[in-house]
Amino acid sequence: MIKLKFIISTIVLFLGMNAGLWAQQDSTAVNDTVGGKKFFNALDYSMQKRYRPENKNFENNKWSDNTFVEINMGVEDFLNRDGAEIGLYKIFSAGYGKMFTPVHTARVNLNGGWALHERTSDSFVRVGLQASHLFNITAYMKGYNPSRLFEISSVLGLGYTYTKMKGQDAFNVGELHAGVQLKLRLIDQLSMILEPTVALYTDGIDHYTKTNWHKYDVGYGGKLGFIYNLDDRYKKPAGEGGNAGIDAFVSLAGGIQYQFSNIVREMGIKNTLGPHVAVSAGKWLLPFLGIRGSLFYGGDTWNRYYTYNEEGMVTAENKLNCAYTGARVEAMVNVMEFVPLDVKRYLAVSVIGGAEIAGMNKKDISQSVKFTYFAFTGGLQAKYRINDRWGVFVEPRLSLVPYSYVPKNSQGVELTERMDYSDNIYNFNLGVEYSF
């Protein structure tokens, strides 16, 4: 009881002291030498709110200000669960967004994709809608700057997906997704993005619900794409991070291609060579860092078979050819910029790496394998600058092409379950480049 009275007395005394202080604040503040304000707040004179840099040129007076469109492509897989036999999803997406403040952006994406059954020739298709909030971490830490070269943002949002497999039930699926967006500015209003994400789905995205006692699925993947800002204020101001000395370029290259496999070695590499050609455009963002996009075609011989007469004698050797047609996006790092030698004025040696999306048409004895794939590609380019505009180069390259198909006989009957393969495609090119 005594302890309780002591606590109550202490509280009353504390409140009384505060009431006295509030009553005296007018006279104290008036005589304060700091500024004569009615209420003195020491936080107004601290450095607490002054560490963040200023935002540059941010205006949001009408709806079209700070708006953008984007297109991207990517892949998504799911955490493995026994019984779910869905393969890797290939996804394409288009979006529209708006930056409401220097750090807060809203975005809506419409996407579609397809995946193959892991054992059969059946396929899954999906369409969906996503709404996301992006928080610009770089702008929050360093201030908003529309001409900044590189930015990082967090991504968080909700979505809906309709997915269907031929002859099977359709599923309506909700999602919660989160990720990180890495954005690299290429030219005034165009940027490239890489966006790894994870997603939590309601049950059914993988078309298998029998053993899913927790009633949700987990997906993970990423996408690569481009953003175009509709607001022309994203153009670089003159003299502020301009493009002096940093060149855009176009190039044309051609050469030979072959596959690295036991079959090809048995046939002899020179007997399997085919053509390769690429048309490219790119830009050096920094003296040592560039970005390049290419359209390409390549072909080669991957196998052969013999035809026999009634006596069992070989009458003909038949070659089985394959062709690859698609696009690449690659980063280029000129290692000569890190070498203290005068030769870098006319010699550039760049390590190249990126991704390609292409269609493959591969002839087999009883069928043609047609497959759309995403692949890693890399190489090395050695370029000699003839003058400020023209250069010539050599470029060896490797592409790791994954694909799968269900073997069938000449009547179209499936012989086995779906098989996974990979082609190691090598090509060697000579090219010419024009800078502007």
Protein backbone atom coordinates (compact mmCIF):
# COMPACT_ATOMS: atom_id res chain seq x y z
CA MET A 1 0.00 0.00 0.00
CA ILE A 2 2.82 2.37 0.89
CA LYS A 3 4.55 1.49 -2.40
CA LEU A 4 1.39 2.29 -4.39
CA LYS A 5 1.01 5.68 -2.65
CA PHE A 6 4.63 6.49 -3.45
CA ILE A 7 4.11 5.72 -7.17
CA ILE A 8 0.94 7.84 -7.32
CA SER A 9 2.67 10.74 -5.54
CA THR A 10 5.60 10.59 -7.95
CA ILE A 11 3.29 10.73 -10.99
CA VAL A 12 1.33 13.69 -9.58
CA LEU A 13 4.57 15.55 -8.79
CA PHE A 14 5.90 14.89 -12.35
CA LEU A 15 2.67 16.18 -13.94
CA GLY A 16 2.71 19.24 -11.70
CA MET A 17 6.29 20.09 -12.67
CA ASN A 18 5.41 19.80 -16.36
CA ALA A 19 2.36 22.01 -15.90
CA GLY A 20 4.58 24.62 -14.29
CA LEU A 21 7.04 24.47 -17.16
CA TRP A 22 4.26 24.88 -19.75
CA ALA A 23 2.92 27.87 -17.83
CA GLN A 24 6.34 29.55 -17.88
CA GLN A 25 7.14 28.84 -21.55
CA ASP A 26 5.85 32.14 -22.94
CA SER A 27 8.16 34.32 -20.86
CA THR A 28 11.11 31.98 -21.29
CA ALA A 29 10.74 31.79 -25.09
CA VAL A 30 10.38 35.54 -25.50
CA ASN A 31 13.66 36.18 -23.72
CA ASP A 32 15.44 33.32 -25.53
CA THR A 33 18.52 34.55 -27.39
CA VAL A 34 18.20 31.89 -30.15
CA GLY A 35 15.33 33.49 -32.04
CA GLY A 36 12.42 34.79 -29.97
CA LYS A 37 10.05 32.04 -31.09
CA LYS A 38 6.97 31.26 -29.05
CA PHE A 39 8.10 27.64 -28.60
CA PHE A 40 11.75 26.72 -28.74
CA ASN A 41 12.51 23.37 -30.47
CA ALA A 42 16.17 22.43 -30.40
CA LEU A 43 15.67 20.08 -33.41
CA ASP A 44 15.24 23.17 -35.59
CA TYR A 45 18.91 23.97 -34.95
CA SER A 46 20.34 20.47 -35.28
CA MET A 47 21.92 18.88 -38.35
CA GLN A 48 19.45 15.99 -38.22
CA LYS A 49 17.45 17.06 -41.28
CA ARG A 50 20.34 18.35 -43.39
CA TYR A 51 22.32 15.25 -44.38
CA ARG A 52 20.29 14.39 -47.50
CA PRO A 53 21.28 16.08 -50.78
CA GLU A 54 18.75 18.24 -52.59
CA ASN A 55 16.42 16.83 -55.23
CA LYS A 56 17.15 18.22 -58.70
CA ASN A 57 14.50 19.49 -61.09
CA PHE A 58 11.58 17.42 -59.81
CA GLU A 59 8.19 18.69 -60.95
CA ASN A 60 4.83 16.96 -60.82
CA ASN A 61 2.37 19.54 -62.08
CA LYS A 62 0.38 17.34 -64.46
CA TRP A 63 -0.29 13.63 -64.93
CA SER A 64 2.14 13.21 -67.84
CA ASP A 65 5.06 14.46 -65.73
CA ASN A 66 7.49 11.68 -64.73
CA THR A 67 5.61 8.93 -66.57
CA PHE A 68 7.20 6.00 -68.41
CA VAL A 69 6.50 2.83 -70.37
CA GLU A 70 8.50 -0.39 -70.19
CA ILE A 71 8.85 -3.74 -71.94
CA ASN A 72 10.73 -6.73 -70.59
CA MET A 73 11.22 -10.47 -70.82
CA GLY A 74 12.14 -12.97 -68.13
CA VAL A 75 11.83 -16.41 -66.63
CA GLU A 76 10.19 -17.85 -63.53
CA ASP A 77 10.51 -21.17 -61.76
CA PHE A 78 8.85 -22.59 -58.66
CA LEU A 79 10.10 -24.29 -55.53
CA ASN A 80 10.10 -27.98 -56.38
CA ARG A 81 7.21 -30.07 -55.09
CA ASP A 82 6.63 -33.75 -55.86
CA GLY A 83 3.83 -34.14 -58.39
CA ALA A 84 4.13 -30.67 -59.94
CA GLU A 85 5.50 -31.20 -63.45
CA ILE A 86 5.62 -27.69 -64.83
CA GLY A 87 8.81 -26.41 -66.45
CA LEU A 88 10.43 -22.99 -66.59
CA TYR A 89 8.06 -20.17 -67.51
CA LYS A 90 9.12 -17.71 -70.23
CA ILE A 91 7.38 -14.39 -69.60
CA PHE A 92 6.92 -11.16 -71.57
CA SER A 93 5.57 -8.00 -70.00
CA ALA A 94 4.58 -4.42 -70.86
CA GLY A 95 4.02 -1.73 -68.27
CA TYR A 96 3.12 1.88 -67.54
CA GLY A 97 4.18 3.85 -64.49
CA LYS A 98 4.45 7.25 -62.84
CA MET A 99 6.82 8.74 -60.30
CA PHE A 100 4.69 10.66 -57.76
CA THR A 101 7.58 11.87 -55.58
CA PRO A 102 11.37 11.71 -55.99
CA VAL A 103 11.38 8.28 -54.29
CA HIS A 104 7.88 6.80 -54.75
CA THR A 105 6.73 5.27 -58.06
CA ALA A 106 3.60 3.29 -59.00
CA ARG A 107 3.63 0.83 -61.90
CA VAL A 108 1.12 -1.47 -63.64
CA ASN A 109 2.25 -4.43 -65.81
CA LEU A 110 0.35 -6.72 -68.17
CA ASN A 111 2.21 -9.99 -68.73
CA GLY A 112 1.89 -13.31 -70.50
CA GLY A 113 3.96 -16.45 -70.74
CA TRP A 114 4.20 -20.14 -71.40
CA ALA A 115 5.88 -23.22 -69.96
CA LEU A 116 6.28 -26.83 -71.05
CA HIS A 117 5.25 -29.95 -69.22
CA GLU A 118 8.32 -31.70 -67.80
CA ARG A 119 7.39 -35.09 -69.32
CA THR A 120 5.00 -34.57 -72.24
CA SER A 121 4.54 -32.21 -75.17
CA ASP A 122 1.73 -30.35 -73.36
CA SER A 123 2.18 -26.67 -72.53
CA PHE A 124 0.90 -24.17 -69.97
CA VAL A 125 -0.10 -20.58 -70.76
CA ARG A 126 -0.72 -17.64 -68.44
CA VAL A 127 -1.79 -14.00 -68.51
CA GLY A 128 -1.73 -11.64 -65.59
CA LEU A 129 -1.82 -8.13 -64.19
CA GLN A 130 0.54 -6.69 -61.57
CA ALA A 131 0.51 -3.46 -59.57
CA SER A 132 3.78 -2.49 -57.88
CA HIS A 133 5.26 0.21 -55.69
CA LEU A 134 8.91 1.12 -56.28
CA PHE A 135 10.97 2.91 -53.64
CA ASN A 136 14.06 4.59 -55.11
CA ILE A 137 16.78 3.82 -52.58
CA THR A 138 19.43 5.74 -54.49
CA ALA A 139 17.32 8.92 -54.67
CA TYR A 140 16.49 8.63 -50.96
CA MET A 141 20.16 8.37 -50.00
CA LYS A 142 21.71 10.73 -52.58
CA GLY A 143 18.87 12.98 -53.74
CA TYR A 144 16.81 12.83 -56.92
CA ASN A 145 18.75 13.37 -60.15
CA PRO A 146 17.01 12.57 -63.48
CA SER A 147 20.36 12.27 -65.28
CA ARG A 148 21.91 9.75 -62.86
CA LEU A 149 23.59 6.77 -64.56
CA PHE A 150 22.62 3.97 -62.13
CA GLU A 151 19.86 3.55 -59.54
CA ILE A 152 18.55 0.84 -57.21
CA SER A 153 14.90 0.56 -56.15
CA SER A 154 12.92 -1.89 -54.06
CA VAL A 155 9.78 -3.45 -55.58
CA LEU A 156 6.67 -4.58 -53.71
CA GLY A 157 3.22 -5.34 -55.10
CA LEU A 158 0.17 -7.48 -55.74
CA GLY A 159 -0.97 -9.36 -58.82
CA TYR A 160 -3.49 -11.67 -60.47
CA THR A 161 -2.75 -14.53 -62.90
CA TYR A 162 -5.00 -16.73 -65.04
CA THR A 163 -3.25 -19.96 -66.01
CA LYS A 164 -4.45 -22.80 -68.22
CA MET A 165 -3.22 -26.15 -69.53
CA LYS A 166 -4.86 -27.73 -72.58
CA GLY A 167 -7.44 -30.30 -71.48
CA GLN A 168 -7.06 -29.37 -67.81
CA ASP A 169 -8.76 -27.03 -65.35
CA ALA A 170 -7.83 -23.35 -65.32
CA PHE A 171 -6.69 -21.58 -62.15
CA ASN A 172 -7.18 -18.00 -60.93
CA VAL A 173 -4.24 -17.10 -58.74
CA GLY A 174 -3.40 -14.12 -56.54
CA GLU A 175 0.14 -13.08 -55.71
CA LEU A 176 2.35 -10.96 -53.47
CA HIS A 177 5.72 -10.17 -55.06
CA ALA A 178 8.88 -8.43 -53.92
CA GLY A 179 12.20 -7.71 -55.57
CA VAL A 180 14.94 -5.26 -56.45
CA GLN A 181 15.23 -3.17 -59.62
CA LEU A 182 18.67 -2.27 -60.98
CA LYS A 183 18.37 0.52 -63.56
CA LEU A 184 21.14 1.60 -65.94
CA ARG A 185 20.60 4.74 -68.01
CA LEU A 186 21.59 4.20 -71.63
CA ILE A 187 20.64 7.46 -73.37
CA ASP A 188 18.60 10.51 -72.45
CA GLN A 189 15.19 8.90 -71.96
CA LEU A 190 16.00 5.19 -72.28
CA SER A 191 17.19 2.90 -69.46
CA MET A 192 17.81 -0.83 -69.10
CA ILE A 193 16.54 -2.69 -66.05
CA LEU A 194 17.35 -5.99 -64.37
CA GLU A 195 14.75 -7.07 -61.81
CA PRO A 196 15.08 -10.27 -59.74
CA THR A 197 11.89 -11.10 -57.83
CA VAL A 198 10.23 -13.67 -55.58
CA ALA A 199 6.47 -14.22 -55.45
CA LEU A 200 4.05 -15.85 -53.04
CA TYR A 201 1.06 -17.32 -54.94
CA THR A 202 -2.23 -18.71 -53.81
CA ASP A 203 -2.51 -22.40 -54.68
CA GLY A 204 -2.70 -23.42 -58.35
CA ILE A 205 0.01 -21.54 -60.24
CA ASP A 206 1.81 -24.87 -60.88
CA HIS A 207 -1.46 -26.74 -61.67
CA TYR A 208 -0.96 -29.16 -58.82
CA THR A 209 -3.03 -28.85 -55.65
CA LYS A 210 -3.30 -32.43 -54.37
CA THR A 211 -0.51 -32.37 -51.79
CA ASN A 212 -0.28 -28.62 -51.18
CA TRP A 213 -1.51 -28.60 -47.59
CA HIS A 214 -0.26 -25.05 -46.95
CA LYS A 215 -2.26 -23.75 -49.98
CA TYR A 216 0.38 -21.48 -51.45
CA ASP A 217 3.25 -21.71 -53.97
CA VAL A 218 6.56 -19.85 -54.13
CA GLY A 219 8.02 -18.61 -57.42
CA TYR A 220 11.34 -16.96 -58.16
CA GLY A 221 12.90 -15.47 -61.26
CA GLY A 222 13.92 -12.27 -62.95
CA LYS A 223 13.39 -10.07 -65.96
CA LEU A 224 15.47 -7.91 -68.25
CA GLY A 225 13.94 -4.96 -70.03
CA PHE A 226 13.89 -1.33 -71.07
CA ILE A 227 12.20 1.79 -69.72
CA TYR A 228 11.37 4.83 -71.87
CA ASN A 229 10.59 8.05 -70.00
CA LEU A 230 7.78 10.01 -71.66
CA ASP A 231 8.90 13.21 -69.92
CA ASP A 232 11.62 14.95 -71.97
CA ARG A 233 13.06 16.54 -68.83
CA TYR A 234 15.04 13.33 -68.49
CA LYS A 235 17.35 14.61 -71.21
CA LYS A 236 20.83 15.40 -69.90
CA PRO A 237 21.43 19.15 -69.47
CA ALA A 238 24.33 20.53 -71.49
CA GLY A 239 27.54 20.36 -69.52
CA GLU A 240 26.02 18.12 -66.84
CA GLY A 241 27.13 14.53 -67.35
CA GLY A 242 27.01 14.98 -71.12
CA ASN A 243 28.18 12.56 -73.76
CA ALA A 244 31.46 14.19 -74.76
CA GLY A 245 33.97 11.50 -75.64
CA ILE A 246 31.48 8.67 -75.06
CA ASP A 247 30.46 7.16 -78.41
CA ALA A 248 27.42 5.45 -79.82
CA PHE A 249 28.17 2.89 -82.51
CA VAL A 250 26.75 0.44 -85.03
CA SER A 251 28.51 -2.64 -86.35
CA LEU A 252 28.18 -5.50 -88.81
CA ALA A 253 29.92 -8.83 -88.23
CA GLY A 254 30.03 -12.20 -89.96
CA GLY A 255 31.86 -15.46 -89.57
CA ILE A 256 31.56 -19.19 -88.94
CA GLN A 257 29.69 -21.27 -86.37
CA TYR A 258 29.87 -24.82 -85.04
CA GLN A 259 28.69 -26.92 -82.09
CA PHE A 260 31.03 -28.52 -79.61
CA SER A 261 29.90 -32.14 -79.12
CA ASN A 262 31.14 -35.72 -79.47
CA ILE A 263 29.10 -36.16 -82.65
CA VAL A 264 30.64 -33.07 -84.26
CA ARG A 265 34.15 -34.20 -83.35
CA GLU A 266 33.48 -37.57 -84.99
CA MET A 267 32.23 -35.84 -88.13
CA GLY A 268 35.12 -33.36 -88.15
CA ILE A 269 34.52 -29.73 -87.18
CA LYS A 270 35.29 -28.43 -90.68
CA ASN A 271 32.46 -30.59 -92.05
CA THR A 272 29.91 -29.01 -89.72
CA LEU A 273 30.68 -25.30 -90.08
CA GLY A 274 27.87 -22.89 -90.88
CA PRO A 275 27.43 -19.12 -91.20
CA HIS A 276 26.92 -16.54 -88.47
CA VAL A 277 25.97 -12.87 -88.98
CA ALA A 278 25.05 -10.09 -86.53
CA VAL A 279 23.92 -6.46 -86.81
CA SER A 280 24.51 -4.44 -83.63
CA ALA A 281 24.04 -1.00 -82.07
CA GLY A 282 25.42 0.19 -78.76
CA LYS A 283 26.81 2.98 -76.64
CA TRP A 284 29.77 3.54 -74.34
CA LEU A 285 28.29 4.83 -71.09
CA LEU A 286 31.73 5.27 -69.53
CA PRO A 287 35.19 4.99 -71.09
CA PHE A 288 35.39 1.37 -69.88
CA LEU A 289 31.69 0.32 -69.83
CA GLY A 290 29.36 -0.10 -72.79
CA ILE A 291 26.04 -1.74 -73.68
CA ARG A 292 25.18 -3.41 -76.99
CA GLY A 293 22.11 -4.95 -78.59
CA SER A 294 22.29 -7.31 -81.58
CA LEU A 295 20.11 -9.19 -84.03
CA PHE A 296 21.74 -12.42 -85.22
CA TYR A 297 21.41 -15.54 -87.32
CA GLY A 298 23.58 -18.65 -87.06
CA GLY A 299 23.49 -22.15 -88.50
CA ASP A 300 25.56 -25.33 -88.49
CA THR A 301 25.41 -29.10 -88.94
CA TRP A 302 24.90 -31.01 -85.70
CA ASN A 303 24.44 -34.62 -86.85
CA ARG A 304 24.20 -36.95 -89.85
CA TYR A 305 22.59 -40.20 -90.90
CA TYR A 306 23.09 -42.69 -93.76
CA THR A 307 20.70 -44.24 -96.22
CA TYR A 308 21.29 -47.82 -97.41
CA ASN A 309 20.29 -49.90 -100.41
CA GLU A 310 18.83 -53.41 -100.28
CA GLU A 311 22.30 -54.92 -100.03
CA GLY A 312 23.05 -52.84 -96.95
CA MET A 313 25.51 -50.58 -98.74
CA VAL A 314 25.65 -46.87 -97.89
CA THR A 315 24.14 -44.87 -100.74
CA ALA A 316 24.12 -41.39 -99.21
CA GLU A 317 25.22 -39.35 -96.22
CA ASN A 318 22.55 -36.92 -95.03
CA LYS A 319 23.37 -33.91 -92.86
CA LEU A 320 21.07 -32.65 -90.14
CA ASN A 321 21.24 -28.86 -89.82
CA CYS A 322 20.09 -26.42 -87.18
CA ALA A 323 19.47 -22.67 -87.21
CA TYR A 324 19.26 -20.02 -84.46
CA THR A 325 17.66 -16.60 -84.99
CA GLY A 326 17.25 -14.02 -82.25
CA ALA A 327 18.48 -11.02 -80.28
CA ARG A 328 21.18 -10.35 -77.69
CA VAL A 329 21.72 -7.71 -75.00
CA GLU A 330 25.26 -7.50 -73.63
CA ALA A 331 27.54 -5.46 -71.41
CA MET A 332 31.05 -4.66 -72.67
CA VAL A 333 34.04 -3.94 -70.41
CA ASN A 334 37.12 -2.51 -72.13
CA VAL A 335 40.00 -3.86 -70.04
CA MET A 336 42.50 -1.63 -71.87
CA GLU A 337 41.13 1.35 -69.92
CA PHE A 338 42.71 -0.17 -66.81
CA VAL A 339 46.11 -0.64 -68.45
CA PRO A 340 48.60 2.27 -68.28
CA LEU A 341 49.68 1.91 -71.92
CA ASP A 342 49.44 4.37 -74.78
CA VAL A 343 48.08 1.67 -77.13
CA LYS A 344 44.55 2.15 -75.81
CA ARG A 345 44.23 5.12 -78.19
CA TYR A 346 43.81 2.70 -81.08
CA LEU A 347 43.33 -0.72 -79.43
CA ALA A 348 40.35 -1.91 -77.35
CA VAL A 349 39.98 -5.36 -75.83
CA SER A 350 36.52 -5.91 -74.35
CA VAL A 351 35.07 -8.74 -72.30
CA ILE A 352 31.44 -9.29 -73.37
CA GLY A 353 28.62 -10.99 -71.48
CA GLY A 354 24.84 -10.99 -71.56
CA ALA A 355 21.67 -12.83 -72.52
CA GLU A 356 20.07 -13.88 -75.78
CA ILE A 357 16.56 -14.90 -76.71
CA ALA A 358 16.12 -16.83 -79.92
CA GLY A 359 14.19 -19.44 -81.80
CA MET A 360 15.88 -22.74 -82.63
CA ASN A 361 14.95 -24.96 -85.58
CA LYS A 362 16.82 -28.26 -85.34
CA LYS A 363 16.29 -31.01 -87.88
CA ASP A 364 16.17 -34.58 -86.58
CA ILE A 365 15.55 -37.76 -88.57
CA SER A 366 11.82 -37.94 -87.86
CA GLN A 367 10.95 -34.42 -86.65
CA SER A 368 12.01 -30.79 -86.42
CA VAL A 369 12.72 -29.46 -82.94
CA LYS A 370 11.40 -25.89 -82.70
CA PHE A 371 12.08 -24.21 -79.40
CA THR A 372 12.26 -20.65 -78.01
CA TYR A 373 15.07 -20.31 -75.50
CA PHE A 374 16.85 -17.90 -73.16
CA ALA A 375 20.61 -18.40 -73.05
CA PHE A 376 23.81 -16.98 -71.59
CA THR A 377 26.28 -15.65 -74.12
CA GLY A 378 29.78 -14.27 -73.75
CA GLY A 379 32.89 -13.53 -75.71
CA LEU A 380 35.92 -11.36 -76.30
CA GLN A 381 36.30 -8.51 -78.79
CA ALA A 382 39.65 -7.14 -79.98
CA LYS A 383 39.14 -3.89 -81.92
CA TYR A 384 41.58 -1.74 -83.88
CA ARG A 385 40.53 1.89 -84.33
CA ILE A 386 41.42 3.05 -87.83
CA ASN A 387 40.37 6.62 -86.96
CA ASP A 388 37.84 8.42 -84.74
CA ARG A 389 34.91 6.92 -86.67
CA TRP A 390 35.89 3.53 -88.05
CA GLY A 391 37.22 0.36 -86.48
CA VAL A 392 37.61 -3.31 -87.32
CA PHE A 393 37.41 -6.20 -84.86
CA VAL A 394 37.57 -9.94 -84.30
CA GLU A 395 35.13 -11.55 -81.89
CA PRO A 396 35.03 -15.19 -80.74
CA ARG A 397 31.83 -16.09 -78.86
CA LEU A 398 30.14 -18.89 -76.88
CA SER A 399 26.40 -19.35 -76.29
CA LEU A 400 25.01 -21.99 -73.90
CA VAL A 401 21.63 -22.94 -75.36
CA PRO A 402 19.23 -25.01 -73.20
CA TYR A 403 16.28 -26.75 -74.83
CA SER A 404 14.01 -29.76 -74.46
CA TYR A 405 11.72 -31.84 -76.65
CA VAL A 406 9.71 -35.06 -76.73
CA PRO A 407 11.17 -37.54 -79.28
CA LYS A 408 8.59 -38.75 -81.79
CA ASN A 409 8.59 -41.20 -84.68
CA SER A 410 7.65 -40.37 -88.28
CA GLN A 411 3.95 -40.87 -87.44
CA GLY A 412 4.14 -38.33 -84.59
CA VAL A 413 3.88 -40.90 -81.80
CA GLU A 414 5.79 -39.93 -78.65
CA LEU A 415 8.63 -42.37 -78.02
CA THR A 416 9.84 -41.22 -74.60
CA GLU A 417 9.15 -38.51 -72.04
CA ARG A 418 10.53 -34.99 -72.51
CA MET A 419 14.31 -34.84 -72.65
CA ASP A 420 16.54 -31.90 -71.65
CA TYR A 421 19.58 -30.95 -73.70
CA SER A 422 22.08 -28.14 -74.13
CA ASP A 423 23.97 -26.92 -77.21
CA ASN A 424 27.38 -25.29 -76.84
CA ILE A 425 27.50 -22.92 -79.81
CA TYR A 426 30.80 -21.36 -80.84
CA ASN A 427 31.28 -18.74 -83.52
CA PHE A 428 34.17 -16.62 -84.73
CA ASN A 429 33.41 -13.29 -86.39
CA LEU A 430 35.13 -10.47 -88.24
CA GLY A 431 33.42 -7.10 -88.17
CA VAL A 432 33.46 -3.41 -88.93
CA GLU A 433 32.22 -0.66 -86.59
CA TYR A 434 31.20 2.95 -87.12
CA SER A 435 31.07 5.39 -84.18
CA PHE A 436 29.09 8.62 -84.01
